[in-house]
């Protein structure tokens, strides 16, 4: 009888350990599920940020081209203005010379 009682006690201990183990497995599965969902969410954010970065790089490149064009136009206008000022100066000189 003592052997049966000891065996029954060992069986109860084993059942308790199995319940604890099953509970931990269930908790681990839920944690894994939650982590996978968080990972997918982060991957979506990274994808969105990468797309936004590509858009901003393209905009930066376009702005760089526009800035270069504006600088070229500015230089062209400056050159024309200097030419006009030189012409005005020549005209003034010719008008101020006694004929």
PDB file of N, CA and C in Angstrom:
ATOM      1  N   UNK A   1       0.799  -1.182   0.000  1.00  0.00           N
ATOM      2  CA  UNK A   1       0.000   0.000   0.000  1.00  0.00           C
ATOM      3  C   UNK A   1       0.848   1.254   0.000  1.00  0.00           C
ATOM      4  N   UNK A   2       1.933   1.199   0.770  1.00  0.00           N
ATOM      5  CA  UNK A   2       2.818   2.338   0.782  1.00  0.00           C
ATOM      6  C   UNK A   2       3.373   2.607  -0.602  1.00  0.00           C
ATOM      7  N   UNK A   3       3.650   1.544  -1.321  1.00  0.00           N
ATOM      8  CA  UNK A   3       4.198   1.684  -2.666  1.00  0.00           C
ATOM      9  C   UNK A   3       3.174   2.349  -3.576  1.00  0.00           C
ATOM     10  N   UNK A   4       1.892   1.949  -3.408  1.00  0.00           N
ATOM     11  CA  UNK A   4       0.847   2.563  -4.226  1.00  0.00           C
ATOM     12  C   UNK A   4       0.683   4.038  -3.879  1.00  0.00           C
ATOM     13  N   UNK A   5       0.761   4.363  -2.614  1.00  0.00           N
ATOM     14  CA  UNK A   5       0.642   5.746  -2.174  1.00  0.00           C
ATOM     15  C   UNK A   5       1.799   6.588  -2.708  1.00  0.00           C
ATOM     16  N   UNK A   6       2.999   6.032  -2.656  1.00  0.00           N
ATOM     17  CA  UNK A   6       4.177   6.750  -3.168  1.00  0.00           C
ATOM     18  C   UNK A   6       4.066   6.911  -4.676  1.00  0.00           C
ATOM     19  N   UNK A   7       3.567   5.862  -5.332  1.00  0.00           N
ATOM     20  CA  UNK A   7       3.399   5.910  -6.779  1.00  0.00           C
ATOM     21  C   UNK A   7       2.336   6.947  -7.156  1.00  0.00           C
ATOM     22  N   UNK A   8       1.252   6.979  -6.404  1.00  0.00           N
ATOM     23  CA  UNK A   8       0.192   7.950  -6.662  1.00  0.00           C
ATOM     24  C   UNK A   8       0.717   9.370  -6.437  1.00  0.00           C
ATOM     25  N   UNK A   9       1.518   9.549  -5.388  1.00  0.00           N
ATOM     26  CA  UNK A   9       2.108  10.864  -5.108  1.00  0.00           C
ATOM     27  C   UNK A   9       3.031  11.282  -6.242  1.00  0.00           C
ATOM     28  N   UNK A  10       3.871  10.366  -6.723  1.00  0.00           N
ATOM     29  CA  UNK A  10       4.769  10.666  -7.848  1.00  0.00           C
ATOM     30  C   UNK A  10       3.961  11.011  -9.101  1.00  0.00           C
ATOM     31  N   UNK A  11       2.852  10.315  -9.309  1.00  0.00           N
ATOM     32  CA  UNK A  11       1.991  10.565 -10.457  1.00  0.00           C
ATOM     33  C   UNK A  11       1.380  11.964 -10.365  1.00  0.00           C
ATOM     34  N   UNK A  12       0.955  12.370  -9.167  1.00  0.00           N
ATOM     35  CA  UNK A  12       0.400  13.714  -8.979  1.00  0.00           C
ATOM     36  C   UNK A  12       1.480  14.778  -9.253  1.00  0.00           C
ATOM     37  N   UNK A  13       2.693  14.525  -8.780  1.00  0.00           N
ATOM     38  CA  UNK A  13       3.791  15.466  -9.023  1.00  0.00           C
ATOM     39  C   UNK A  13       4.066  15.595 -10.521  1.00  0.00           C
ATOM     40  N   UNK A  14       4.062  14.445 -11.208  1.00  0.00           N
ATOM     41  CA  UNK A  14       4.292  14.445 -12.646  1.00  0.00           C
ATOM     42  C   UNK A  14       3.174  15.183 -13.375  1.00  0.00           C
ATOM     43  N   UNK A  15       1.914  14.978 -12.952  1.00  0.00           N
ATOM     44  CA  UNK A  15       0.786  15.675 -13.561  1.00  0.00           C
ATOM     45  C   UNK A  15       0.910  17.186 -13.350  1.00  0.00           C
ATOM     46  N   UNK A  16       1.326  17.600 -12.178  1.00  0.00           N
ATOM     47  CA  UNK A  16       1.494  19.028 -11.883  1.00  0.00           C
ATOM     48  C   UNK A  16       2.595  19.611 -12.770  1.00  0.00           C
ATOM     49  N   UNK A  17       3.696  18.893 -12.908  1.00  0.00           N
ATOM     50  CA  UNK A  17       4.796  19.361 -13.764  1.00  0.00           C
ATOM     51  C   UNK A  17       4.342  19.454 -15.229  1.00  0.00           C
ATOM     52  N   UNK A  18       3.544  18.482 -15.661  1.00  0.00           N
ATOM     53  CA  UNK A  18       3.042  18.493 -17.040  1.00  0.00           C
ATOM     54  C   UNK A  18       2.105  19.680 -17.243  1.00  0.00           C
ATOM     55  N   UNK A  19       1.227  19.968 -16.250  1.00  0.00           N
ATOM     56  CA  UNK A  19       0.337  21.130 -16.345  1.00  0.00           C
ATOM     57  C   UNK A  19       1.141  22.431 -16.454  1.00  0.00           C
ATOM     58  N   UNK A  20       2.172  22.532 -15.614  1.00  0.00           N
ATOM     59  CA  UNK A  20       3.035  23.721 -15.654  1.00  0.00           C
ATOM     60  C   UNK A  20       3.708  23.830 -17.013  1.00  0.00           C
ATOM     61  N   UNK A  21       4.222  22.717 -17.514  1.00  0.00           N
ATOM     62  CA  UNK A  21       4.886  22.698 -18.809  1.00  0.00           C
ATOM     63  C   UNK A  21       3.918  23.081 -19.920  1.00  0.00           C
ATOM     64  N   UNK A  22       2.716  22.541 -19.902  1.00  0.00           N
ATOM     65  CA  UNK A  22       1.710  22.884 -20.916  1.00  0.00           C
ATOM     66  C   UNK A  22       1.338  24.359 -20.846  1.00  0.00           C
ATOM     67  N   UNK A  23       1.246  24.885 -19.634  1.00  0.00           N
ATOM     68  CA  UNK A  23       0.954  26.301 -19.453  1.00  0.00           C
ATOM     69  C   UNK A  23       2.087  27.156 -20.043  1.00  0.00           C
ATOM     70  N   UNK A  24       3.332  26.774 -19.796  1.00  0.00           N
ATOM     71  CA  UNK A  24       4.478  27.499 -20.332  1.00  0.00           C
ATOM     72  C   UNK A  24       4.533  27.398 -21.861  1.00  0.00           C
ATOM     73  N   UNK A  25       4.183  26.222 -22.398  1.00  0.00           N
ATOM     74  CA  UNK A  25       4.149  26.056 -23.851  1.00  0.00           C
ATOM     75  C   UNK A  25       3.081  26.969 -24.448  1.00  0.00           C
ATOM     76  N   UNK A  26       1.921  27.016 -23.818  1.00  0.00           N
ATOM     77  CA  UNK A  26       0.841  27.873 -24.298  1.00  0.00           C
ATOM     78  C   UNK A  26       1.257  29.342 -24.235  1.00  0.00           C
ATOM     79  N   UNK A  27       1.862  29.747 -23.128  1.00  0.00           N
ATOM     80  CA  UNK A  27       2.327  31.122 -22.970  1.00  0.00           C
ATOM     81  C   UNK A  27       3.398  31.435 -24.011  1.00  0.00           C
ATOM     82  N   UNK A  28       4.310  30.504 -24.240  1.00  0.00           N
ATOM     83  CA  UNK A  28       5.368  30.706 -25.232  1.00  0.00           C
ATOM     84  C   UNK A  28       4.793  30.839 -26.638  1.00  0.00           C
ATOM     85  N   UNK A  29       3.787  30.041 -26.942  1.00  0.00           N
ATOM     86  CA  UNK A  29       3.146  30.132 -28.261  1.00  0.00           C
ATOM     87  C   UNK A  29       2.482  31.498 -28.444  1.00  0.00           C
ATOM     88  N   UNK A  30       1.826  32.002 -27.395  1.00  0.00           N
ATOM     89  CA  UNK A  30       1.187  33.316 -27.469  1.00  0.00           C
ATOM     90  C   UNK A  30       2.247  34.406 -27.631  1.00  0.00           C
ATOM     91  N   UNK A  31       3.335  34.290 -26.885  1.00  0.00           N
ATOM     92  CA  UNK A  31       4.428  35.264 -27.011  1.00  0.00           C
ATOM     93  C   UNK A  31       5.000  35.245 -28.420  1.00  0.00           C
ATOM     94  N   UNK A  32       5.165  34.041 -28.974  1.00  0.00           N
ATOM     95  CA  UNK A  32       5.684  33.915 -30.336  1.00  0.00           C
ATOM     96  C   UNK A  32       4.726  34.587 -31.328  1.00  0.00           C
ATOM     97  N   UNK A  33       3.436  34.346 -31.130  1.00  0.00           N
ATOM     98  CA  UNK A  33       2.418  34.945 -32.003  1.00  0.00           C
ATOM     99  C   UNK A  33       2.471  36.471 -31.903  1.00  0.00           C
ATOM    100  N   UNK A  34       2.570  36.982 -30.675  1.00  0.00           N
ATOM    101  CA  UNK A  34       2.654  38.429 -30.468  1.00  0.00           C
ATOM    102  C   UNK A  34       3.927  39.008 -31.093  1.00  0.00           C
ATOM    103  N   UNK A  35       5.037  38.311 -30.922  1.00  0.00           N
ATOM    104  CA  UNK A  35       6.309  38.771 -31.495  1.00  0.00           C
ATOM    105  C   UNK A  35       6.269  38.750 -33.025  1.00  0.00           C
ATOM    106  N   UNK A  36       5.640  37.750 -33.590  1.00  0.00           N
ATOM    107  CA  UNK A  36       5.529  37.684 -35.052  1.00  0.00           C
ATOM    108  C   UNK A  36       4.684  38.842 -35.566  1.00  0.00           C
ATOM    109  N   UNK A  37       3.603  39.154 -34.859  1.00  0.00           N
ATOM    110  CA  UNK A  37       2.748  40.278 -35.262  1.00  0.00           C
ATOM    111  C   UNK A  37       3.526  41.593 -35.156  1.00  0.00           C
ATOM    112  N   UNK A  38       4.287  41.751 -34.067  1.00  0.00           N
ATOM    113  CA  UNK A  38       5.088  42.964 -33.896  1.00  0.00           C
ATOM    114  C   UNK A  38       6.154  43.056 -34.983  1.00  0.00           C
ATOM    115  N   UNK A  39       6.735  41.915 -35.332  1.00  0.00           N
ATOM    116  CA  UNK A  39       7.756  41.892 -36.374  1.00  0.00           C
ATOM    117  C   UNK A  39       7.159  42.286 -37.727  1.00  0.00           C
ATOM    118  N   UNK A  40       5.989  41.780 -38.043  1.00  0.00           N
ATOM    119  CA  UNK A  40       5.330  42.143 -39.302  1.00  0.00           C
ATOM    120  C   UNK A  40       5.019  43.633 -39.334  1.00  0.00           C
ATOM    121  N   UNK A  41       4.571  44.161 -38.200  1.00  0.00           N
ATOM    122  CA  UNK A  41       4.274  45.593 -38.105  1.00  0.00           C
ATOM    123  C   UNK A  41       5.549  46.413 -38.329  1.00  0.00           C
ATOM    124  N   UNK A  42       6.635  45.987 -37.713  1.00  0.00           N
ATOM    125  CA  UNK A  42       7.910  46.693 -37.900  1.00  0.00           C
ATOM    126  C   UNK A  42       8.401  46.588 -39.341  1.00  0.00           C
ATOM    127  N   UNK A  43       8.224  45.436 -39.958  1.00  0.00           N
ATOM    128  CA  UNK A  43       8.619  45.270 -41.357  1.00  0.00           C
ATOM    129  C   UNK A  43       7.811  46.206 -42.254  1.00  0.00           C
ATOM    130  N   UNK A  44       6.524  46.351 -41.952  1.00  0.00           N
ATOM    131  CA  UNK A  44       5.679  47.268 -42.732  1.00  0.00           C
ATOM    132  C   UNK A  44       6.156  48.705 -42.550  1.00  0.00           C
ATOM    133  N   UNK A  45       6.521  49.073 -41.324  1.00  0.00           N
ATOM    134  CA  UNK A  45       7.033  50.419 -41.065  1.00  0.00           C
ATOM    135  C   UNK A  45       8.343  50.654 -41.804  1.00  0.00           C
ATOM    136  N   UNK A  46       9.223  49.663 -41.778  1.00  0.00           N
ATOM    137  CA  UNK A  46      10.509  49.786 -42.469  1.00  0.00           C
ATOM    138  C   UNK A  46      10.286  49.938 -43.970  1.00  0.00           C
ATOM    139  N   UNK A  47       9.365  49.164 -44.519  1.00  0.00           N
ATOM    140  CA  UNK A  47       9.044  49.265 -45.945  1.00  0.00           C
ATOM    141  C   UNK A  47       8.512  50.654 -46.275  1.00  0.00           C
ATOM    142  N   UNK A  48       7.606  51.158 -45.440  1.00  0.00           N
ATOM    143  CA  UNK A  48       7.042  52.497 -45.669  1.00  0.00           C
ATOM    144  C   UNK A  48       8.128  53.557 -45.575  1.00  0.00           C
ATOM    145  N   UNK A  49       9.015  53.422 -44.594  1.00  0.00           N
ATOM    146  CA  UNK A  49      10.104  54.395 -44.450  1.00  0.00           C
ATOM    147  C   UNK A  49      11.076  54.319 -45.631  1.00  0.00           C
ATOM    148  N   UNK A  50      11.339  53.126 -46.114  1.00  0.00           N
ATOM    149  CA  UNK A  50      12.226  52.972 -47.274  1.00  0.00           C
ATOM    150  C   UNK A  50      11.605  53.625 -48.507  1.00  0.00           C
ATOM    151  N   UNK A  51      10.302  53.437 -48.680  1.00  0.00           N
ATOM    152  CA  UNK A  51       9.617  54.065 -49.809  1.00  0.00           C
ATOM    153  C   UNK A  51       9.649  55.585 -49.684  1.00  0.00           C
ATOM    154  N   UNK A  52       9.420  56.092 -48.473  1.00  0.00           N
ATOM    155  CA  UNK A  52       9.470  57.533 -48.240  1.00  0.00           C
ATOM    156  C   UNK A  52      10.876  58.065 -48.505  1.00  0.00           C
ATOM    157  N   UNK A  53      11.879  57.311 -48.102  1.00  0.00           N
ATOM    158  CA  UNK A  53      13.266  57.716 -48.342  1.00  0.00           C
ATOM    159  C   UNK A  53      13.548  57.789 -49.837  1.00  0.00           C
ATOM    160  N   UNK A  54      13.045  56.821 -50.591  1.00  0.00           N
ATOM    161  CA  UNK A  54      13.222  56.844 -52.049  1.00  0.00           C
ATOM    162  C   UNK A  54      12.562  58.079 -52.659  1.00  0.00           C
ATOM    163  N   UNK A  55      11.358  58.401 -52.177  1.00  0.00           N
ATOM    164  CA  UNK A  55      10.647  59.585 -52.671  1.00  0.00           C
ATOM    165  C   UNK A  55      11.455  60.842 -52.349  1.00  0.00           C
ATOM    166  N   UNK A  56      11.943  60.929 -51.131  1.00  0.00           N
ATOM    167  CA  UNK A  56      12.699  62.116 -50.725  1.00  0.00           C
ATOM    168  C   UNK A  56      14.025  62.218 -51.479  1.00  0.00           C
ATOM    169  N   UNK A  57      14.654  61.092 -51.756  1.00  0.00           N
ATOM    170  CA  UNK A  57      15.896  61.122 -52.553  1.00  0.00           C
ATOM    171  C   UNK A  57      15.611  61.635 -53.958  1.00  0.00           C
ATOM    172  N   UNK A  58      14.511  61.170 -54.547  1.00  0.00           N
ATOM    173  CA  UNK A  58      14.142  61.626 -55.886  1.00  0.00           C
ATOM    174  C   UNK A  58      13.840  63.125 -55.869  1.00  0.00           C
ATOM    175  N   UNK A  59      13.128  63.581 -54.835  1.00  0.00           N
ATOM    176  CA  UNK A  59      12.833  65.011 -54.708  1.00  0.00           C
ATOM    177  C   UNK A  59      14.117  65.813 -54.546  1.00  0.00           C
ATOM    178  N   UNK A  60      15.041  65.298 -53.754  1.00  0.00           N
ATOM    179  CA  UNK A  60      16.324  65.980 -53.540  1.00  0.00           C
ATOM    180  C   UNK A  60      17.092  66.086 -54.854  1.00  0.00           C
ATOM    181  N   UNK A  61      17.082  64.998 -55.604  1.00  0.00           N
ATOM    182  CA  UNK A  61      17.765  65.008 -56.902  1.00  0.00           C
ATOM    183  C   UNK A  61      17.126  66.036 -57.838  1.00  0.00           C
ATOM    184  N   UNK A  62      15.780  66.064 -57.856  1.00  0.00           N
ATOM    185  CA  UNK A  62      15.069  67.023 -58.699  1.00  0.00           C
ATOM    186  C   UNK A  62      15.379  68.453 -58.264  1.00  0.00           C
ATOM    187  N   UNK A  63      15.379  68.696 -56.963  1.00  0.00           N
ATOM    188  CA  UNK A  63      15.694  70.035 -56.461  1.00  0.00           C
ATOM    189  C   UNK A  63      17.132  70.420 -56.808  1.00  0.00           C
ATOM    190  N   UNK A  64      18.034  69.450 -56.757  1.00  0.00           N
ATOM    191  CA  UNK A  64      19.421  69.716 -57.140  1.00  0.00           C
ATOM    192  C   UNK A  64      19.524  70.136 -58.595  1.00  0.00           C
ATOM    193  N   UNK A  65      18.771  69.442 -59.455  1.00  0.00           N
ATOM    194  CA  UNK A  65      18.771  69.799 -60.874  1.00  0.00           C
ATOM    195  C   UNK A  65      18.168  71.188 -61.090  1.00  0.00           C
ATOM    196  N   UNK A  66      17.079  71.461 -60.384  1.00  0.00           N
ATOM    197  CA  UNK A  66      16.450  72.777 -60.508  1.00  0.00           C
ATOM    198  C   UNK A  66      17.377  73.877 -59.993  1.00  0.00           C
ATOM    199  N   UNK A  67      18.060  73.617 -58.903  1.00  0.00           N
ATOM    200  CA  UNK A  67      19.004  74.587 -58.349  1.00  0.00           C
ATOM    201  C   UNK A  67      20.139  74.856 -59.327  1.00  0.00           C
ATOM    202  N   UNK A  68      20.628  73.804 -59.950  1.00  0.00           N
ATOM    203  CA  UNK A  68      21.688  73.965 -60.944  1.00  0.00           C
ATOM    204  C   UNK A  68      21.187  74.810 -62.116  1.00  0.00           C
ATOM    205  N   UNK A  69      19.957  74.539 -62.556  1.00  0.00           N
ATOM    206  CA  UNK A  69      19.374  75.293 -63.666  1.00  0.00           C
ATOM    207  C   UNK A  69      19.201  76.768 -63.283  1.00  0.00           C
ATOM    208  N   UNK A  70      18.728  77.024 -62.076  1.00  0.00           N
ATOM    209  CA  UNK A  70      18.544  78.399 -61.613  1.00  0.00           C
ATOM    210  C   UNK A  70      19.904  79.099 -61.537  1.00  0.00           C
ATOM    211  N   UNK A  71      20.922  78.401 -61.061  1.00  0.00           N
ATOM    212  CA  UNK A  71      22.260  78.997 -60.979  1.00  0.00           C
ATOM    213  C   UNK A  71      22.776  79.334 -62.374  1.00  0.00           C
ATOM    214  N   UNK A  72      22.533  78.447 -63.334  1.00  0.00           N
ATOM    215  CA  UNK A  72      22.954  78.715 -64.709  1.00  0.00           C
ATOM    216  C   UNK A  72      22.202  79.920 -65.280  1.00  0.00           C
ATOM    217  N   UNK A  73      20.894  79.977 -65.013  1.00  0.00           N
ATOM    218  CA  UNK A  73      20.097  81.115 -65.483  1.00  0.00           C
ATOM    219  C   UNK A  73      20.573  82.409 -64.830  1.00  0.00           C
ATOM    220  N   UNK A  74      20.888  82.351 -63.552  1.00  0.00           N
ATOM    221  CA  UNK A  74      21.381  83.520 -62.825  1.00  0.00           C
ATOM    222  C   UNK A  74      22.692  84.002 -63.451  1.00  0.00           C
ATOM    223  N   UNK A  75      23.570  83.076 -63.753  1.00  0.00           N
ATOM    224  CA  UNK A  75      24.860  83.440 -64.363  1.00  0.00           C
ATOM    225  C   UNK A  75      24.644  84.050 -65.745  1.00  0.00           C
ATOM    226  N   UNK A  76      23.712  83.496 -66.499  1.00  0.00           N
ATOM    227  CA  UNK A  76      23.403  84.035 -67.827  1.00  0.00           C
ATOM    228  C   UNK A  76      22.864  85.456 -67.715  1.00  0.00           C
ATOM    229  N   UNK A  77      21.953  85.676 -66.779  1.00  0.00           N
ATOM    230  CA  UNK A  77      21.379  87.015 -66.579  1.00  0.00           C
ATOM    231  C   UNK A  77      22.465  87.983 -66.110  1.00  0.00           C
ATOM    232  N   UNK A  78      23.309  87.545 -65.173  1.00  0.00           N
ATOM    233  CA  UNK A  78      24.406  88.389 -64.694  1.00  0.00           C
ATOM    234  C   UNK A  78      25.317  88.797 -65.848  1.00  0.00           C
ATOM    235  N   UNK A  79      25.608  87.843 -66.704  1.00  0.00           N
ATOM    236  CA  UNK A  79      26.461  88.118 -67.860  1.00  0.00           C
ATOM    237  C   UNK A  79      25.804  89.133 -68.788  1.00  0.00           C
ATOM    238  N   UNK A  80      24.505  88.969 -69.030  1.00  0.00           N
ATOM    239  CA  UNK A  80      23.774  89.906 -69.888  1.00  0.00           C
ATOM    240  C   UNK A  80      23.751  91.303 -69.273  1.00  0.00           C
ATOM    241  N   UNK A  81      23.505  91.381 -67.971  1.00  0.00           N
ATOM    242  CA  UNK A  81      23.467  92.674 -67.280  1.00  0.00           C
ATOM    243  C   UNK A  81      24.834  93.346 -67.351  1.00  0.00           C
ATOM    244  N   UNK A  82      25.898  92.576 -67.143  1.00  0.00           N
ATOM    245  CA  UNK A  82      27.242  93.151 -67.240  1.00  0.00           C
ATOM    246  C   UNK A  82      27.504  93.673 -68.655  1.00  0.00           C
ATOM    247  N   UNK A  83      27.052  92.927 -69.649  1.00  0.00           N
ATOM    248  CA  UNK A  83      27.195  93.365 -71.037  1.00  0.00           C
ATOM    249  C   UNK A  83      26.429  94.651 -71.289  1.00  0.00           C
ATOM    250  N   UNK A  84      25.205  94.724 -70.754  1.00  0.00           N
ATOM    251  CA  UNK A  84      24.392  95.924 -70.922  1.00  0.00           C
ATOM    252  C   UNK A  84      25.033  97.117 -70.206  1.00  0.00           C
ATOM    253  N   UNK A  85      25.565  96.887 -69.017  1.00  0.00           N
ATOM    254  CA  UNK A  85      26.231  97.965 -68.283  1.00  0.00           C
ATOM    255  C   UNK A  85      27.468  98.452 -69.037  1.00  0.00           C
ATOM    256  N   UNK A  86      28.198  97.534 -69.627  1.00  0.00           N
ATOM    257  CA  UNK A  86      29.373  97.913 -70.411  1.00  0.00           C
ATOM    258  C   UNK A  86      28.942  98.739 -71.619  1.00  0.00           C
ATOM    259  N   UNK A  87      27.851  98.326 -72.251  1.00  0.00           N
ATOM    260  CA  UNK A  87      27.334  99.066 -73.409  1.00  0.00           C
ATOM    261  C   UNK A  87      26.877 100.462 -72.993  1.00  0.00           C
ATOM    262  N   UNK A  88      26.177 100.557 -71.861  1.00  0.00           N
ATOM    263  CA  UNK A  88      25.733 101.853 -71.353  1.00  0.00           C
ATOM    264  C   UNK A  88      26.949 102.726 -71.049  1.00  0.00           C
ATOM    265  N   UNK A  89      27.957 102.142 -70.463  1.00  0.00           N
ATOM    266  CA  UNK A  89      29.171 102.882 -70.148  1.00  0.00           C
ATOM    267  C   UNK A  89      29.829 103.402 -71.420  1.00  0.00           C
ATOM    268  N   UNK A  90      29.880 102.553 -72.450  1.00  0.00           N
ATOM    269  CA  UNK A  90      30.458 102.992 -73.733  1.00  0.00           C
ATOM    270  C   UNK A  90      29.626 104.124 -74.339  1.00  0.00           C
ATOM    271  N   UNK A  91      28.319 104.002 -74.242  1.00  0.00           N
ATOM    272  CA  UNK A  91      27.430 105.037 -74.790  1.00  0.00           C
ATOM    273  C   UNK A  91      27.628 106.360 -74.047  1.00  0.00           C
ATOM    274  N   UNK A  92      27.746 106.259 -72.705  1.00  0.00           N
ATOM    275  CA  UNK A  92      27.961 107.475 -71.924  1.00  0.00           C
ATOM    276  C   UNK A  92      29.285 108.124 -72.295  1.00  0.00           C
ATOM    277  N   UNK A  93      30.293 107.279 -72.497  1.00  0.00           N
ATOM    278  CA  UNK A  93      31.611 107.806 -72.857  1.00  0.00           C
ATOM    279  C   UNK A  93      31.549 108.500 -74.216  1.00  0.00           C
ATOM    280  N   UNK A  94      30.848 107.871 -75.152  1.00  0.00           N
ATOM    281  CA  UNK A  94      30.767 108.472 -76.469  1.00  0.00           C
ATOM    282  C   UNK A  94      29.938 109.755 -76.472  1.00  0.00           C
ATOM    283  N   UNK A  95      28.959 109.828 -75.597  1.00  0.00           N
ATOM    284  CA  UNK A  95      28.129 111.027 -75.516  1.00  0.00           C
ATOM    285  C   UNK A  95      28.862 112.171 -74.802  1.00  0.00           C
ATOM    286  N   UNK A  96      29.731 111.822 -73.900  1.00  0.00           N
ATOM    287  CA  UNK A  96      30.423 112.864 -73.153  1.00  0.00           C
ATOM    288  C   UNK A  96      31.648 113.385 -73.903  1.00  0.00           C
ATOM    289  N   UNK A  97      32.093 112.687 -74.917  1.00  0.00           N
ATOM    290  CA  UNK A  97      33.239 113.152 -75.700  1.00  0.00           C
ATOM    291  C   UNK A  97      32.797 114.307 -76.596  1.00  0.00           C
ATOM    292  N   UNK A  98      33.603 115.376 -76.671  1.00  0.00           N
ATOM    293  CA  UNK A  98      33.238 116.491 -77.553  1.00  0.00           C
ATOM    294  C   UNK A  98      33.353 116.058 -78.996  1.00  0.00           C
ATOM    295  N   UNK A  99      32.393 116.446 -79.747  1.00  0.00           N
ATOM    296  CA  UNK A  99      32.378 116.071 -81.149  1.00  0.00           C
ATOM    297  C   UNK A  99      33.119 117.021 -82.028  1.00  0.00           C
TER     298      UNK A  99
END
